[in-house]
Amino acid sequence: MGGNETPPNNNTSDNDELSEVKGKLGFNERPGFEAILIKIVYRKGPKLGLIIRNYENCVMISRLDAGSLCAEKLIVGDRLVAVDGEAAKDREQTKKIILKGFSKRRKCTFLIERPQSSEAKLWAKTAILSSSTRTSSTAPREKHKWKLMTAQQRQAAKLLAAKEARNLPQNEASSSALSSNAVSASGGKNDSQRKDD
């Protein structure tokens, strides 16, 4: 998913911490993915720059702002498994955990699952490019909202057309009707064109 591949984690204490977090969550990485523990510490200057989205009960990193804190260590297509030891269940809940971590401790620890195999990278790319992540529970409400908005637009168009018809001067309206009738009665030709025939 990018050239920012993180080198294997050889630090024993980091491996122990990773094992501890995975054990606490009961998490086992999927084949083709690598579980990585990433710490991001707030510092003045760059913004966080992290955009996440829901996909198939996962929280995915869908965009990273260039030069941001997260762009230094994360990659688009990483799956957020947990933040500060708390499972990342959905986008809104994950945002709250991240904001809480940075506001209280000025840092967050992310457990991510990074795609390594070509199949895993394809899955991550599909997750990022998928169009809609709406659940079926919100879809009917959205459908009703669009239907209502369309009806309001149609009504506004009718009112505008009626207003324009009232504002059209009577002579202009009748003369345009006469000229269009004259053209259609002569087979599409007006009086000056018929004289030449």
C-alpha atoms as a PDB file:
ATOM      1  CA  MET A   1       0.000   0.000   0.000  1.00  0.00           C
ATOM      2  CA  GLY A   2       3.001   2.282  -0.012  1.00  0.00           C
ATOM      3  CA  GLY A   3       6.751   2.489   0.278  1.00  0.00           C
ATOM      4  CA  ASN A   4       6.635   3.279   4.010  1.00  0.00           C
ATOM      5  CA  GLU A   5       6.973  -0.347   5.108  1.00  0.00           C
ATOM      6  CA  THR A   6       7.910  -0.535   8.781  1.00  0.00           C
ATOM      7  CA  PRO A   7      10.968  -2.686   9.512  1.00  0.00           C
ATOM      8  CA  PRO A   8      10.347  -5.770  11.641  1.00  0.00           C
ATOM      9  CA  ASN A   9      10.040  -4.991  15.325  1.00  0.00           C
ATOM     10  CA  ASN A  10      13.145  -6.437  17.037  1.00  0.00           C
ATOM     11  CA  ASN A  11      12.840  -4.591  20.364  1.00  0.00           C
ATOM     12  CA  THR A  12      12.014  -7.159  23.071  1.00  0.00           C
ATOM     13  CA  SER A  13       9.994  -4.776  25.269  1.00  0.00           C
ATOM     14  CA  ASP A  14       7.924  -3.686  22.243  1.00  0.00           C
ATOM     15  CA  ASN A  15       7.312  -7.347  21.353  1.00  0.00           C
ATOM     16  CA  ASP A  16       6.252  -8.032  24.950  1.00  0.00           C
ATOM     17  CA  GLU A  17       3.897  -5.048  24.909  1.00  0.00           C
ATOM     18  CA  LEU A  18       2.458  -6.161  21.556  1.00  0.00           C
ATOM     19  CA  SER A  19       1.875  -9.679  22.905  1.00  0.00           C
ATOM     20  CA  GLU A  20       0.257  -8.241  26.039  1.00  0.00           C
ATOM     21  CA  VAL A  21      -2.158  -6.015  24.062  1.00  0.00           C
ATOM     22  CA  LYS A  22      -3.012  -8.838  21.641  1.00  0.00           C
ATOM     23  CA  GLY A  23      -3.640 -11.194  24.578  1.00  0.00           C
ATOM     24  CA  LYS A  24      -5.828  -8.671  26.410  1.00  0.00           C
ATOM     25  CA  LEU A  25      -7.961  -8.183  23.289  1.00  0.00           C
ATOM     26  CA  GLY A  26      -7.908 -11.845  22.272  1.00  0.00           C
ATOM     27  CA  PHE A  27      -6.610 -10.707  18.896  1.00  0.00           C
ATOM     28  CA  ASN A  28      -4.896 -12.935  16.348  1.00  0.00           C
ATOM     29  CA  GLU A  29      -3.672 -11.326  13.146  1.00  0.00           C
ATOM     30  CA  ARG A  30      -5.073 -12.648   9.912  1.00  0.00           C
ATOM     31  CA  PRO A  31      -2.879 -14.469   7.378  1.00  0.00           C
ATOM     32  CA  GLY A  32      -1.147 -11.969   5.095  1.00  0.00           C
ATOM     33  CA  PHE A  33      -1.231  -9.206   7.723  1.00  0.00           C
ATOM     34  CA  GLU A  34       1.290  -8.122  10.343  1.00  0.00           C
ATOM     35  CA  ALA A  35       0.270  -6.794  13.765  1.00  0.00           C
ATOM     36  CA  ILE A  36       2.274  -3.713  14.745  1.00  0.00           C
ATOM     37  CA  LEU A  37       2.171  -1.520  17.854  1.00  0.00           C
ATOM     38  CA  ILE A  38       2.697   2.151  16.968  1.00  0.00           C
ATOM     39  CA  LYS A  39       3.070   5.016  19.433  1.00  0.00           C
ATOM     40  CA  ILE A  40       2.271   8.537  18.309  1.00  0.00           C
ATOM     41  CA  VAL A  41       3.263  11.356  20.643  1.00  0.00           C
ATOM     42  CA  TYR A  42       1.795  14.825  20.218  1.00  0.00           C
ATOM     43  CA  ARG A  43       4.219  17.616  19.446  1.00  0.00           C
ATOM     44  CA  LYS A  44       3.544  21.207  18.566  1.00  0.00           C
ATOM     45  CA  GLY A  45       3.433  21.935  14.850  1.00  0.00           C
ATOM     46  CA  PRO A  46       2.100  19.123  12.683  1.00  0.00           C
ATOM     47  CA  LYS A  47      -1.532  18.094  12.973  1.00  0.00           C
ATOM     48  CA  LEU A  48      -2.712  14.548  13.645  1.00  0.00           C
ATOM     49  CA  GLY A  49      -3.850  14.140  10.000  1.00  0.00           C
ATOM     50  CA  LEU A  50      -5.697  10.831  10.357  1.00  0.00           C
ATOM     51  CA  ILE A  51      -8.852   9.995   8.361  1.00  0.00           C
ATOM     52  CA  ILE A  52     -10.590   6.712   9.231  1.00  0.00           C
ATOM     53  CA  ARG A  53     -13.643   4.859   7.938  1.00  0.00           C
ATOM     54  CA  ASN A  54     -15.719   1.779   8.689  1.00  0.00           C
ATOM     55  CA  TYR A  55     -15.489  -1.271   6.448  1.00  0.00           C
ATOM     56  CA  GLU A  56     -16.884  -4.739   7.231  1.00  0.00           C
ATOM     57  CA  ASN A  57     -16.752  -4.248  11.020  1.00  0.00           C
ATOM     58  CA  CYS A  58     -13.215  -2.840  10.777  1.00  0.00           C
ATOM     59  CA  VAL A  59     -11.820   0.657  11.205  1.00  0.00           C
ATOM     60  CA  MET A  60      -9.545   1.456   8.280  1.00  0.00           C
ATOM     61  CA  ILE A  61      -7.065   4.273   7.734  1.00  0.00           C
ATOM     62  CA  SER A  62      -8.379   5.782   4.524  1.00  0.00           C
ATOM     63  CA  ARG A  63      -6.249   8.926   4.282  1.00  0.00           C
ATOM     64  CA  LEU A  64      -3.251  10.573   5.922  1.00  0.00           C
ATOM     65  CA  ASP A  65      -2.418  14.247   5.520  1.00  0.00           C
ATOM     66  CA  ALA A  66       1.115  14.841   4.251  1.00  0.00           C
ATOM     67  CA  GLY A  67       3.503  16.021   6.954  1.00  0.00           C
ATOM     68  CA  SER A  68       1.148  15.005   9.771  1.00  0.00           C
ATOM     69  CA  LEU A  69       2.034  13.063  12.923  1.00  0.00           C
ATOM     70  CA  CYS A  70       0.232   9.941  11.715  1.00  0.00           C
ATOM     71  CA  ALA A  71       1.746  10.053   8.211  1.00  0.00           C
ATOM     72  CA  GLU A  72       5.161   9.473   9.804  1.00  0.00           C
ATOM     73  CA  LYS A  73       4.231   6.010  11.107  1.00  0.00           C
ATOM     74  CA  LEU A  74       0.946   4.817   9.601  1.00  0.00           C
ATOM     75  CA  ILE A  75       0.041   3.824   6.038  1.00  0.00           C
ATOM     76  CA  VAL A  76      -3.233   4.164   4.155  1.00  0.00           C
ATOM     77  CA  GLY A  77      -4.782   0.695   4.259  1.00  0.00           C
ATOM     78  CA  ASP A  78      -3.696  -0.095   7.819  1.00  0.00           C
ATOM     79  CA  ARG A  79      -6.513  -1.489   9.935  1.00  0.00           C
ATOM     80  CA  LEU A  80      -6.886   0.048  13.404  1.00  0.00           C
ATOM     81  CA  VAL A  81      -7.424  -2.881  15.749  1.00  0.00           C
ATOM     82  CA  ALA A  82      -7.125  -1.010  19.057  1.00  0.00           C
ATOM     83  CA  VAL A  83      -6.227   2.385  20.479  1.00  0.00           C
ATOM     84  CA  ASP A  84      -4.648   2.542  23.937  1.00  0.00           C
ATOM     85  CA  GLY A  85      -5.660  -1.075  24.564  1.00  0.00           C
ATOM     86  CA  GLU A  86      -9.327  -0.499  23.712  1.00  0.00           C
ATOM     87  CA  ALA A  87     -10.753  -2.342  20.687  1.00  0.00           C
ATOM     88  CA  ALA A  88     -11.560  -0.120  17.701  1.00  0.00           C
ATOM     89  CA  LYS A  89     -15.147  -1.147  16.945  1.00  0.00           C
ATOM     90  CA  ASP A  90     -16.326   1.692  14.713  1.00  0.00           C
ATOM     91  CA  ARG A  91     -15.227   5.066  13.414  1.00  0.00           C
ATOM     92  CA  GLU A  92     -17.028   7.283  15.953  1.00  0.00           C
ATOM     93  CA  GLN A  93     -15.998   5.242  18.989  1.00  0.00           C
ATOM     94  CA  THR A  94     -12.385   5.144  17.736  1.00  0.00           C
ATOM     95  CA  LYS A  95     -12.303   8.922  17.208  1.00  0.00           C
ATOM     96  CA  LYS A  96     -13.411   9.417  20.823  1.00  0.00           C
ATOM     97  CA  ILE A  97     -10.661   7.122  22.140  1.00  0.00           C
ATOM     98  CA  ILE A  98      -8.007   8.934  20.072  1.00  0.00           C
ATOM     99  CA  LEU A  99      -9.175  12.383  21.197  1.00  0.00           C
ATOM    100  CA  LYS A 100      -9.254  11.225  24.822  1.00  0.00           C
ATOM    101  CA  GLY A 101      -5.712   9.832  24.558  1.00  0.00           C
ATOM    102  CA  PHE A 102      -4.241  12.974  23.052  1.00  0.00           C
ATOM    103  CA  SER A 103      -6.095  15.345  25.379  1.00  0.00           C
ATOM    104  CA  LYS A 104      -5.191  13.450  28.596  1.00  0.00           C
ATOM    105  CA  ARG A 105      -1.781  11.899  27.884  1.00  0.00           C
ATOM    106  CA  ARG A 106      -0.688  13.744  24.703  1.00  0.00           C
ATOM    107  CA  LYS A 107      -0.047  10.354  23.068  1.00  0.00           C
ATOM    108  CA  CYS A 108      -1.800   7.271  21.710  1.00  0.00           C
ATOM    109  CA  THR A 109      -0.724   3.700  21.124  1.00  0.00           C
ATOM    110  CA  PHE A 110      -2.266   2.075  18.069  1.00  0.00           C
ATOM    111  CA  LEU A 111      -2.439  -1.658  17.448  1.00  0.00           C
ATOM    112  CA  ILE A 112      -2.665  -1.916  13.692  1.00  0.00           C
ATOM    113  CA  GLU A 113      -2.877  -4.746  11.236  1.00  0.00           C
ATOM    114  CA  ARG A 114      -0.767  -3.915   8.166  1.00  0.00           C
ATOM    115  CA  PRO A 115      -1.346  -5.818   4.899  1.00  0.00           C
ATOM    116  CA  GLN A 116       1.760  -7.693   3.700  1.00  0.00           C
ATOM    117  CA  SER A 117       0.609 -10.252   1.095  1.00  0.00           C
ATOM    118  CA  SER A 118      -0.839  -9.258  -2.270  1.00  0.00           C
ATOM    119  CA  GLU A 119      -4.263 -10.628  -1.221  1.00  0.00           C
ATOM    120  CA  ALA A 120      -4.184  -8.586   1.992  1.00  0.00           C
ATOM    121  CA  LYS A 121      -3.155  -5.454   0.074  1.00  0.00           C
ATOM    122  CA  LEU A 122      -6.009  -6.006  -2.391  1.00  0.00           C
ATOM    123  CA  TRP A 123      -8.479  -6.370   0.507  1.00  0.00           C
ATOM    124  CA  ALA A 124      -7.189  -3.129   2.070  1.00  0.00           C
ATOM    125  CA  LYS A 125      -7.397  -1.284  -1.261  1.00  0.00           C
ATOM    126  CA  THR A 126     -10.987  -2.482  -1.711  1.00  0.00           C
ATOM    127  CA  ALA A 127     -11.804  -1.302   1.820  1.00  0.00           C
ATOM    128  CA  ILE A 128     -10.421   2.164   1.089  1.00  0.00           C
ATOM    129  CA  LEU A 129     -12.116   2.514  -2.303  1.00  0.00           C
ATOM    130  CA  SER A 130     -15.509   1.086  -1.310  1.00  0.00           C
ATOM    131  CA  SER A 131     -18.223   3.649  -1.959  1.00  0.00           C
ATOM    132  CA  SER A 132     -20.726   3.235   0.827  1.00  0.00           C
ATOM    133  CA  THR A 133     -20.272   1.851   4.288  1.00  0.00           C
ATOM    134  CA  ARG A 134     -23.820   2.570   5.450  1.00  0.00           C
ATOM    135  CA  THR A 135     -25.483  -0.079   7.503  1.00  0.00           C
ATOM    136  CA  SER A 136     -28.909  -1.314   6.571  1.00  0.00           C
ATOM    137  CA  SER A 137     -30.371   0.414   9.638  1.00  0.00           C
ATOM    138  CA  THR A 138     -29.511   3.871   8.284  1.00  0.00           C
ATOM    139  CA  ALA A 139     -30.333   3.196   4.623  1.00  0.00           C
ATOM    140  CA  PRO A 140     -34.161   3.537   4.934  1.00  0.00           C
ATOM    141  CA  ARG A 141     -33.803   6.827   6.779  1.00  0.00           C
ATOM    142  CA  GLU A 142     -31.474   8.140   4.059  1.00  0.00           C
ATOM    143  CA  LYS A 143     -33.888   6.995   1.333  1.00  0.00           C
ATOM    144  CA  HIS A 144     -36.729   8.917   3.002  1.00  0.00           C
ATOM    145  CA  LYS A 145     -34.509  11.985   3.350  1.00  0.00           C
ATOM    146  CA  TRP A 146     -33.610  11.944  -0.376  1.00  0.00           C
ATOM    147  CA  LYS A 147     -37.256  11.424  -1.363  1.00  0.00           C
ATOM    148  CA  LEU A 148     -38.314  14.422   0.735  1.00  0.00           C
ATOM    149  CA  MET A 149     -35.527  16.599  -0.661  1.00  0.00           C
ATOM    150  CA  THR A 150     -36.445  15.665  -4.263  1.00  0.00           C
ATOM    151  CA  ALA A 151     -40.116  16.506  -3.641  1.00  0.00           C
ATOM    152  CA  GLN A 152     -39.107  19.894  -2.224  1.00  0.00           C
ATOM    153  CA  GLN A 153     -36.943  20.606  -5.273  1.00  0.00           C
ATOM    154  CA  ARG A 154     -39.816  19.694  -7.640  1.00  0.00           C
ATOM    155  CA  GLN A 155     -42.190  21.974  -5.739  1.00  0.00           C
ATOM    156  CA  ALA A 156     -39.693  24.851  -5.874  1.00  0.00           C
ATOM    157  CA  ALA A 157     -39.277  24.349  -9.641  1.00  0.00           C
ATOM    158  CA  LYS A 158     -43.079  24.447 -10.156  1.00  0.00           C
ATOM    159  CA  LEU A 159     -43.381  27.660  -8.137  1.00  0.00           C
ATOM    160  CA  LEU A 160     -40.547  29.263 -10.093  1.00  0.00           C
ATOM    161  CA  ALA A 161     -42.133  28.281 -13.428  1.00  0.00           C
ATOM    162  CA  ALA A 162     -45.517  29.688 -12.335  1.00  0.00           C
ATOM    163  CA  LYS A 163     -43.890  32.936 -11.205  1.00  0.00           C
ATOM    164  CA  GLU A 164     -42.026  33.307 -14.510  1.00  0.00           C
ATOM    165  CA  ALA A 165     -45.248  32.673 -16.461  1.00  0.00           C
ATOM    166  CA  ARG A 166     -47.034  35.433 -14.512  1.00  0.00           C
ATOM    167  CA  ASN A 167     -44.166  37.884 -15.064  1.00  0.00           C
ATOM    168  CA  LEU A 168     -44.012  37.301 -18.841  1.00  0.00           C
ATOM    169  CA  PRO A 169     -45.680  40.323 -20.574  1.00  0.00           C
ATOM    170  CA  GLN A 170     -48.960  39.365 -22.284  1.00  0.00           C
ATOM    171  CA  ASN A 171     -47.952  40.762 -25.725  1.00  0.00           C
ATOM    172  CA  GLU A 172     -44.630  38.907 -25.649  1.00  0.00           C
ATOM    173  CA  ALA A 173     -46.355  35.661 -24.742  1.00  0.00           C
ATOM    174  CA  SER A 174     -48.955  35.943 -27.532  1.00  0.00           C
ATOM    175  CA  SER A 175     -46.458  37.097 -30.190  1.00  0.00           C
ATOM    176  CA  SER A 176     -44.097  34.212 -29.421  1.00  0.00           C
ATOM    177  CA  ALA A 177     -47.025  31.798 -29.641  1.00  0.00           C
ATOM    178  CA  LEU A 178     -48.071  33.280 -33.022  1.00  0.00           C
ATOM    179  CA  SER A 179     -44.586  33.118 -34.500  1.00  0.00           C
ATOM    180  CA  SER A 180     -44.122  29.507 -33.436  1.00  0.00           C
ATOM    181  CA  ASN A 181     -47.533  28.617 -34.925  1.00  0.00           C
ATOM    182  CA  ALA A 182     -46.638  30.333 -38.209  1.00  0.00           C
ATOM    183  CA  VAL A 183     -43.360  28.428 -38.472  1.00  0.00           C
ATOM    184  CA  SER A 184     -44.995  25.079 -37.724  1.00  0.00           C
ATOM    185  CA  ALA A 185     -47.891  25.691 -40.180  1.00  0.00           C
ATOM    186  CA  SER A 186     -45.476  26.427 -43.018  1.00  0.00           C
ATOM    187  CA  GLY A 187     -43.526  23.238 -42.534  1.00  0.00           C
ATOM    188  CA  GLY A 188     -40.799  24.906 -40.522  1.00  0.00           C
ATOM    189  CA  LYS A 189     -40.369  27.931 -42.822  1.00  0.00           C
ATOM    190  CA  ASN A 190     -41.377  31.515 -42.057  1.00  0.00           C
ATOM    191  CA  ASP A 191     -42.871  33.992 -44.616  1.00  0.00           C
ATOM    192  CA  SER A 192     -39.530  35.288 -45.935  1.00  0.00           C
ATOM    193  CA  GLN A 193     -38.265  31.749 -46.573  1.00  0.00           C
ATOM    194  CA  ARG A 194     -41.476  30.777 -48.481  1.00  0.00           C
ATOM    195  CA  LYS A 195     -41.133  33.677 -50.952  1.00  0.00           C
ATOM    196  CA  ASP A 196     -37.760  32.329 -52.078  1.00  0.00           C
ATOM    197  CA  ASP A 197     -39.232  28.904 -52.930  1.00  0.00           C
END
